[in-house]
Amino acid sequence: MHAERATMRVVDSQSVERGGAPMTTIQAVWFGVMLALTPSLVLLAFLLWQEGIGLREVGADLEVDDQPPHPNTR
């Protein structure tokens, strides 16, 4: 059993057809912002998950804590 040799096809850059319209400036800016913020948002979500912020433990289940800390009573 021998591995077949991989061959790369040489493509002329003039013959490559581009698909779709180019990105507008505002789309490029928003794309860059999303790329820049994604790692920090993933880290924030992980840290909040680790601390259990917004969750309360009821038995073995975790439920969303949507009750206010001090309910208004009259």
PDB file of N, CA and C in Angstrom:
ATOM      1  N   MET A   1       0.840  -1.185   0.000  1.00  0.00           N
ATOM      2  CA  MET A   1       0.000   0.000   0.000  1.00  0.00           C
ATOM      3  C   MET A   1       0.877   1.237   0.000  1.00  0.00           C
ATOM      4  N   HIS A   2       0.807   1.984  -1.026  1.00  0.00           N
ATOM      5  CA  HIS A   2       1.504   3.240  -0.979  1.00  0.00           C
ATOM      6  C   HIS A   2       0.545   4.398  -1.157  1.00  0.00           C
ATOM      7  N   ALA A   3       0.910   5.470  -0.517  1.00  0.00           N
ATOM      8  CA  ALA A   3       0.067   6.658  -0.608  1.00  0.00           C
ATOM      9  C   ALA A   3       0.243   7.287  -1.983  1.00  0.00           C
ATOM     10  N   GLU A   4      -0.881   7.671  -2.545  1.00  0.00           N
ATOM     11  CA  GLU A   4      -0.794   8.337  -3.842  1.00  0.00           C
ATOM     12  C   GLU A   4      -0.252   9.734  -3.646  1.00  0.00           C
ATOM     13  N   ARG A   5       0.483  10.148  -4.608  1.00  0.00           N
ATOM     14  CA  ARG A   5       1.073  11.480  -4.534  1.00  0.00           C
ATOM     15  C   ARG A   5       0.032  12.533  -4.856  1.00  0.00           C
ATOM     16  N   ALA A   6      -0.069  13.523  -3.999  1.00  0.00           N
ATOM     17  CA  ALA A   6      -1.035  14.595  -4.230  1.00  0.00           C
ATOM     18  C   ALA A   6      -0.488  15.537  -5.285  1.00  0.00           C
ATOM     19  N   THR A   7      -1.303  15.839  -6.239  1.00  0.00           N
ATOM     20  CA  THR A   7      -0.874  16.774  -7.287  1.00  0.00           C
ATOM     21  C   THR A   7      -1.702  18.035  -7.160  1.00  0.00           C
ATOM     22  N   MET A   8      -1.051  19.166  -7.275  1.00  0.00           N
ATOM     23  CA  MET A   8      -1.725  20.444  -7.217  1.00  0.00           C
ATOM     24  C   MET A   8      -1.931  20.974  -8.616  1.00  0.00           C
ATOM     25  N   ARG A   9      -3.140  21.380  -8.870  1.00  0.00           N
ATOM     26  CA  ARG A   9      -3.449  21.952 -10.163  1.00  0.00           C
ATOM     27  C   ARG A   9      -3.018  23.410 -10.183  1.00  0.00           C
ATOM     28  N   VAL A  10      -2.333  23.819 -11.207  1.00  0.00           N
ATOM     29  CA  VAL A  10      -1.924  25.215 -11.344  1.00  0.00           C
ATOM     30  C   VAL A  10      -3.079  25.974 -11.978  1.00  0.00           C
ATOM     31  N   VAL A  11      -3.513  27.034 -11.292  1.00  0.00           N
ATOM     32  CA  VAL A  11      -4.650  27.810 -11.779  1.00  0.00           C
ATOM     33  C   VAL A  11      -4.157  29.195 -12.155  1.00  0.00           C
ATOM     34  N   ASP A  12      -4.524  29.609 -13.329  1.00  0.00           N
ATOM     35  CA  ASP A  12      -4.173  30.951 -13.789  1.00  0.00           C
ATOM     36  C   ASP A  12      -5.071  31.950 -13.070  1.00  0.00           C
ATOM     37  N   SER A  13      -4.499  32.984 -12.474  1.00  0.00           N
ATOM     38  CA  SER A  13      -5.282  33.945 -11.701  1.00  0.00           C
ATOM     39  C   SER A  13      -6.270  34.706 -12.574  1.00  0.00           C
ATOM     40  N   GLN A  14      -6.034  34.791 -13.855  1.00  0.00           N
ATOM     41  CA  GLN A  14      -6.949  35.481 -14.759  1.00  0.00           C
ATOM     42  C   GLN A  14      -8.202  34.644 -15.038  1.00  0.00           C
ATOM     43  N   SER A  15      -8.101  33.339 -14.913  1.00  0.00           N
ATOM     44  CA  SER A  15      -9.228  32.475 -15.248  1.00  0.00           C
ATOM     45  C   SER A  15     -10.146  32.198 -14.061  1.00  0.00           C
ATOM     46  N   VAL A  16      -9.773  32.645 -12.868  1.00  0.00           N
ATOM     47  CA  VAL A  16     -10.600  32.408 -11.686  1.00  0.00           C
ATOM     48  C   VAL A  16     -11.756  33.382 -11.699  1.00  0.00           C
ATOM     49  N   GLU A  17     -12.967  32.843 -11.586  1.00  0.00           N
ATOM     50  CA  GLU A  17     -14.154  33.684 -11.598  1.00  0.00           C
ATOM     51  C   GLU A  17     -14.548  33.995 -10.162  1.00  0.00           C
ATOM     52  N   ARG A  18     -14.781  35.246  -9.883  1.00  0.00           N
ATOM     53  CA  ARG A  18     -15.196  35.647  -8.538  1.00  0.00           C
ATOM     54  C   ARG A  18     -16.705  35.584  -8.446  1.00  0.00           C
ATOM     55  N   GLY A  19     -17.192  35.116  -7.301  1.00  0.00           N
ATOM     56  CA  GLY A  19     -18.629  34.989  -7.120  1.00  0.00           C
ATOM     57  C   GLY A  19     -19.161  36.082  -6.221  1.00  0.00           C
ATOM     58  N   GLY A  20     -20.317  36.608  -6.559  1.00  0.00           N
ATOM     59  CA  GLY A  20     -20.969  37.594  -5.709  1.00  0.00           C
ATOM     60  C   GLY A  20     -20.369  38.986  -5.833  1.00  0.00           C
ATOM     61  N   ALA A  21     -21.006  39.907  -5.143  1.00  0.00           N
ATOM     62  CA  ALA A  21     -20.557  41.296  -5.159  1.00  0.00           C
ATOM     63  C   ALA A  21     -19.524  41.507  -4.065  1.00  0.00           C
ATOM     64  N   PRO A  22     -18.639  42.471  -4.241  1.00  0.00           N
ATOM     65  CA  PRO A  22     -17.665  42.752  -3.177  1.00  0.00           C
ATOM     66  C   PRO A  22     -18.369  43.327  -1.941  1.00  0.00           C
ATOM     67  N   MET A  23     -17.710  43.206  -0.823  1.00  0.00           N
ATOM     68  CA  MET A  23     -18.259  43.677   0.443  1.00  0.00           C
ATOM     69  C   MET A  23     -18.199  45.208   0.477  1.00  0.00           C
ATOM     70  N   THR A  24     -19.255  45.825   1.034  1.00  0.00           N
ATOM     71  CA  THR A  24     -19.229  47.280   1.191  1.00  0.00           C
ATOM     72  C   THR A  24     -18.331  47.637   2.369  1.00  0.00           C
ATOM     73  N   THR A  25     -18.015  48.900   2.488  1.00  0.00           N
ATOM     74  CA  THR A  25     -17.137  49.351   3.566  1.00  0.00           C
ATOM     75  C   THR A  25     -17.761  49.093   4.932  1.00  0.00           C
ATOM     76  N   ILE A  26     -19.038  49.408   5.073  1.00  0.00           N
ATOM     77  CA  ILE A  26     -19.681  49.217   6.379  1.00  0.00           C
ATOM     78  C   ILE A  26     -19.773  47.737   6.737  1.00  0.00           C
ATOM     79  N   GLN A  27     -19.984  46.886   5.746  1.00  0.00           N
ATOM     80  CA  GLN A  27     -19.992  45.449   6.012  1.00  0.00           C
ATOM     81  C   GLN A  27     -18.620  44.980   6.461  1.00  0.00           C
ATOM     82  N   ALA A  28     -17.578  45.491   5.835  1.00  0.00           N
ATOM     83  CA  ALA A  28     -16.218  45.114   6.213  1.00  0.00           C
ATOM     84  C   ALA A  28     -15.899  45.592   7.631  1.00  0.00           C
ATOM     85  N   VAL A  29     -16.350  46.795   7.968  1.00  0.00           N
ATOM     86  CA  VAL A  29     -16.111  47.330   9.315  1.00  0.00           C
ATOM     87  C   VAL A  29     -16.827  46.471  10.354  1.00  0.00           C
ATOM     88  N   TRP A  30     -18.104  46.155  10.126  1.00  0.00           N
ATOM     89  CA  TRP A  30     -18.855  45.326  11.071  1.00  0.00           C
ATOM     90  C   TRP A  30     -18.263  43.932  11.181  1.00  0.00           C
ATOM     91  N   PHE A  31     -17.805  43.386  10.075  1.00  0.00           N
ATOM     92  CA  PHE A  31     -17.172  42.074  10.101  1.00  0.00           C
ATOM     93  C   PHE A  31     -15.916  42.113  10.973  1.00  0.00           C
ATOM     94  N   GLY A  32     -15.117  43.165  10.826  1.00  0.00           N
ATOM     95  CA  GLY A  32     -13.914  43.317  11.642  1.00  0.00           C
ATOM     96  C   GLY A  32     -14.240  43.480  13.117  1.00  0.00           C
ATOM     97  N   VAL A  33     -15.293  44.245  13.416  1.00  0.00           N
ATOM     98  CA  VAL A  33     -15.703  44.436  14.812  1.00  0.00           C
ATOM     99  C   VAL A  33     -16.132  43.098  15.412  1.00  0.00           C
ATOM    100  N   MET A  34     -16.916  42.329  14.659  1.00  0.00           N
ATOM    101  CA  MET A  34     -17.369  41.032  15.169  1.00  0.00           C
ATOM    102  C   MET A  34     -16.191  40.085  15.379  1.00  0.00           C
ATOM    103  N   LEU A  35     -15.230  40.093  14.463  1.00  0.00           N
ATOM    104  CA  LEU A  35     -14.050  39.244  14.639  1.00  0.00           C
ATOM    105  C   LEU A  35     -13.239  39.660  15.859  1.00  0.00           C
ATOM    106  N   ALA A  36     -13.151  40.963  16.084  1.00  0.00           N
ATOM    107  CA  ALA A  36     -12.366  41.454  17.214  1.00  0.00           C
ATOM    108  C   ALA A  36     -13.042  41.146  18.546  1.00  0.00           C
ATOM    109  N   LEU A  37     -14.376  41.186  18.601  1.00  0.00           N
ATOM    110  CA  LEU A  37     -15.088  41.011  19.861  1.00  0.00           C
ATOM    111  C   LEU A  37     -15.415  39.557  20.201  1.00  0.00           C
ATOM    112  N   THR A  38     -15.401  38.685  19.230  1.00  0.00           N
ATOM    113  CA  THR A  38     -15.808  37.300  19.471  1.00  0.00           C
ATOM    114  C   THR A  38     -15.005  36.614  20.579  1.00  0.00           C
ATOM    115  N   PRO A  39     -13.672  36.671  20.595  1.00  0.00           N
ATOM    116  CA  PRO A  39     -12.939  35.975  21.671  1.00  0.00           C
ATOM    117  C   PRO A  39     -13.288  36.498  23.065  1.00  0.00           C
ATOM    118  N   SER A  40     -13.460  37.806  23.200  1.00  0.00           N
ATOM    119  CA  SER A  40     -13.768  38.345  24.526  1.00  0.00           C
ATOM    120  C   SER A  40     -15.179  37.962  24.955  1.00  0.00           C
ATOM    121  N   LEU A  41     -16.131  37.888  24.020  1.00  0.00           N
ATOM    122  CA  LEU A  41     -17.486  37.486  24.378  1.00  0.00           C
ATOM    123  C   LEU A  41     -17.554  36.009  24.747  1.00  0.00           C
ATOM    124  N   VAL A  42     -16.775  35.191  24.067  1.00  0.00           N
ATOM    125  CA  VAL A  42     -16.717  33.773  24.419  1.00  0.00           C
ATOM    126  C   VAL A  42     -16.112  33.610  25.807  1.00  0.00           C
ATOM    127  N   LEU A  43     -15.059  34.353  26.105  1.00  0.00           N
ATOM    128  CA  LEU A  43     -14.444  34.306  27.431  1.00  0.00           C
ATOM    129  C   LEU A  43     -15.418  34.792  28.501  1.00  0.00           C
ATOM    130  N   LEU A  44     -16.133  35.877  28.232  1.00  0.00           N
ATOM    131  CA  LEU A  44     -17.117  36.384  29.188  1.00  0.00           C
ATOM    132  C   LEU A  44     -18.211  35.352  29.453  1.00  0.00           C
ATOM    133  N   ALA A  45     -18.722  34.722  28.402  1.00  0.00           N
ATOM    134  CA  ALA A  45     -19.753  33.695  28.577  1.00  0.00           C
ATOM    135  C   ALA A  45     -19.217  32.529  29.404  1.00  0.00           C
ATOM    136  N   PHE A  46     -17.989  32.126  29.159  1.00  0.00           N
ATOM    137  CA  PHE A  46     -17.391  31.032  29.913  1.00  0.00           C
ATOM    138  C   PHE A  46     -17.241  31.395  31.387  1.00  0.00           C
ATOM    139  N   LEU A  47     -16.755  32.603  31.652  1.00  0.00           N
ATOM    140  CA  LEU A  47     -16.571  33.016  33.050  1.00  0.00           C
ATOM    141  C   LEU A  47     -17.900  33.135  33.781  1.00  0.00           C
ATOM    142  N   LEU A  48     -18.923  33.661  33.108  1.00  0.00           N
ATOM    143  CA  LEU A  48     -20.239  33.745  33.731  1.00  0.00           C
ATOM    144  C   LEU A  48     -20.806  32.353  33.988  1.00  0.00           C
ATOM    145  N   TRP A  49     -20.554  31.446  33.074  1.00  0.00           N
ATOM    146  CA  TRP A  49     -21.017  30.071  33.247  1.00  0.00           C
ATOM    147  C   TRP A  49     -20.301  29.415  34.427  1.00  0.00           C
ATOM    148  N   GLN A  50     -18.993  29.654  34.557  1.00  0.00           N
ATOM    149  CA  GLN A  50     -18.221  29.076  35.659  1.00  0.00           C
ATOM    150  C   GLN A  50     -18.707  29.592  37.010  1.00  0.00           C
ATOM    151  N   GLU A  51     -19.031  30.874  37.085  1.00  0.00           N
ATOM    152  CA  GLU A  51     -19.462  31.472  38.346  1.00  0.00           C
ATOM    153  C   GLU A  51     -20.918  31.169  38.644  1.00  0.00           C
ATOM    154  N   GLY A  52     -21.678  30.752  37.643  1.00  0.00           N
ATOM    155  CA  GLY A  52     -23.092  30.467  37.852  1.00  0.00           C
ATOM    156  C   GLY A  52     -23.921  31.710  38.039  1.00  0.00           C
ATOM    157  N   ILE A  53     -23.463  32.829  37.506  1.00  0.00           N
ATOM    158  CA  ILE A  53     -24.204  34.077  37.646  1.00  0.00           C
ATOM    159  C   ILE A  53     -25.499  33.967  36.851  1.00  0.00           C
ATOM    160  N   GLY A  54     -26.612  34.291  37.493  1.00  0.00           N
ATOM    161  CA  GLY A  54     -27.906  34.216  36.847  1.00  0.00           C
ATOM    162  C   GLY A  54     -28.537  32.841  36.949  1.00  0.00           C
ATOM    163  N   LEU A  55     -27.896  31.920  37.651  1.00  0.00           N
ATOM    164  CA  LEU A  55     -28.454  30.578  37.825  1.00  0.00           C
ATOM    165  C   LEU A  55     -28.605  30.291  39.306  1.00  0.00           C
ATOM    166  N   ARG A  56     -29.616  29.547  39.648  1.00  0.00           N
ATOM    167  CA  ARG A  56     -29.758  29.087  41.024  1.00  0.00           C
ATOM    168  C   ARG A  56     -29.922  27.583  40.979  1.00  0.00           C
ATOM    169  N   GLU A  57     -29.456  26.933  41.976  1.00  0.00           N
ATOM    170  CA  GLU A  57     -29.504  25.479  42.008  1.00  0.00           C
ATOM    171  C   GLU A  57     -30.744  25.030  42.766  1.00  0.00           C
ATOM    172  N   VAL A  58     -31.547  24.222  42.127  1.00  0.00           N
ATOM    173  CA  VAL A  58     -32.734  23.647  42.753  1.00  0.00           C
ATOM    174  C   VAL A  58     -32.596  22.144  42.601  1.00  0.00           C
ATOM    175  N   GLY A  59     -32.224  21.473  43.670  1.00  0.00           N
ATOM    176  CA  GLY A  59     -31.960  20.044  43.580  1.00  0.00           C
ATOM    177  C   GLY A  59     -30.759  19.826  42.670  1.00  0.00           C
ATOM    178  N   ALA A  60     -30.929  19.015  41.657  1.00  0.00           N
ATOM    179  CA  ALA A  60     -29.843  18.759  40.709  1.00  0.00           C
ATOM    180  C   ALA A  60     -30.022  19.581  39.442  1.00  0.00           C
ATOM    181  N   ASP A  61     -31.182  20.266  39.313  1.00  0.00           N
ATOM    182  CA  ASP A  61     -31.453  21.040  38.097  1.00  0.00           C
ATOM    183  C   ASP A  61     -30.984  22.475  38.273  1.00  0.00           C
ATOM    184  N   LEU A  62     -30.609  23.085  37.173  1.00  0.00           N
ATOM    185  CA  LEU A  62     -30.276  24.502  37.175  1.00  0.00           C
ATOM    186  C   LEU A  62     -31.395  25.239  36.465  1.00  0.00           C
ATOM    187  N   GLU A  63     -31.945  26.255  37.120  1.00  0.00           N
ATOM    188  CA  GLU A  63     -33.002  27.048  36.526  1.00  0.00           C
ATOM    189  C   GLU A  63     -32.546  28.495  36.447  1.00  0.00           C
ATOM    190  N   VAL A  64     -33.145  29.238  35.546  1.00  0.00           N
ATOM    191  CA  VAL A  64     -32.814  30.651  35.410  1.00  0.00           C
ATOM    192  C   VAL A  64     -33.390  31.398  36.603  1.00  0.00           C
ATOM    193  N   ASP A  65     -32.576  32.237  37.206  1.00  0.00           N
ATOM    194  CA  ASP A  65     -33.002  33.029  38.353  1.00  0.00           C
ATOM    195  C   ASP A  65     -33.588  34.337  37.829  1.00  0.00           C
ATOM    196  N   ASP A  66     -34.904  34.354  37.602  1.00  0.00           N
ATOM    197  CA  ASP A  66     -35.526  35.557  37.064  1.00  0.00           C
ATOM    198  C   ASP A  66     -36.318  36.332  38.118  1.00  0.00           C
ATOM    199  N   GLN A  67     -36.179  35.953  39.369  1.00  0.00           N
ATOM    200  CA  GLN A  67     -36.844  36.656  40.455  1.00  0.00           C
ATOM    201  C   GLN A  67     -35.975  37.825  40.910  1.00  0.00           C
ATOM    202  N   PRO A  68     -36.590  38.973  41.201  1.00  0.00           N
ATOM    203  CA  PRO A  68     -35.798  40.092  41.701  1.00  0.00           C
ATOM    204  C   PRO A  68     -35.241  39.761  43.090  1.00  0.00           C
ATOM    205  N   PRO A  69     -34.090  40.332  43.446  1.00  0.00           N
ATOM    206  CA  PRO A  69     -33.482  40.003  44.739  1.00  0.00           C
ATOM    207  C   PRO A  69     -34.366  40.389  45.929  1.00  0.00           C
ATOM    208  N   HIS A  70     -35.077  41.513  45.839  1.00  0.00           N
ATOM    209  CA  HIS A  70     -35.965  41.970  46.897  1.00  0.00           C
ATOM    210  C   HIS A  70     -37.299  42.328  46.257  1.00  0.00           C
ATOM    211  N   PRO A  71     -38.266  41.410  46.252  1.00  0.00           N
ATOM    212  CA  PRO A  71     -39.537  41.710  45.602  1.00  0.00           C
ATOM    213  C   PRO A  71     -40.241  42.866  46.297  1.00  0.00           C
ATOM    214  N   ASN A  72     -40.917  43.670  45.502  1.00  0.00           N
ATOM    215  CA  ASN A  72     -41.678  44.793  46.050  1.00  0.00           C
ATOM    216  C   ASN A  72     -42.959  44.254  46.654  1.00  0.00           C
ATOM    217  N   THR A  73     -43.176  44.550  47.919  1.00  0.00           N
ATOM    218  CA  THR A  73     -44.399  44.107  48.597  1.00  0.00           C
ATOM    219  C   THR A  73     -45.117  45.323  49.134  1.00  0.00           C
ATOM    220  N   ARG A  74     -46.423  45.323  49.021  1.00  0.00           N
ATOM    221  CA  ARG A  74     -47.209  46.446  49.540  1.00  0.00           C
ATOM    222  C   ARG A  74     -48.244  45.938  50.491  1.00  0.00           C
TER     223      ARG A  74
END
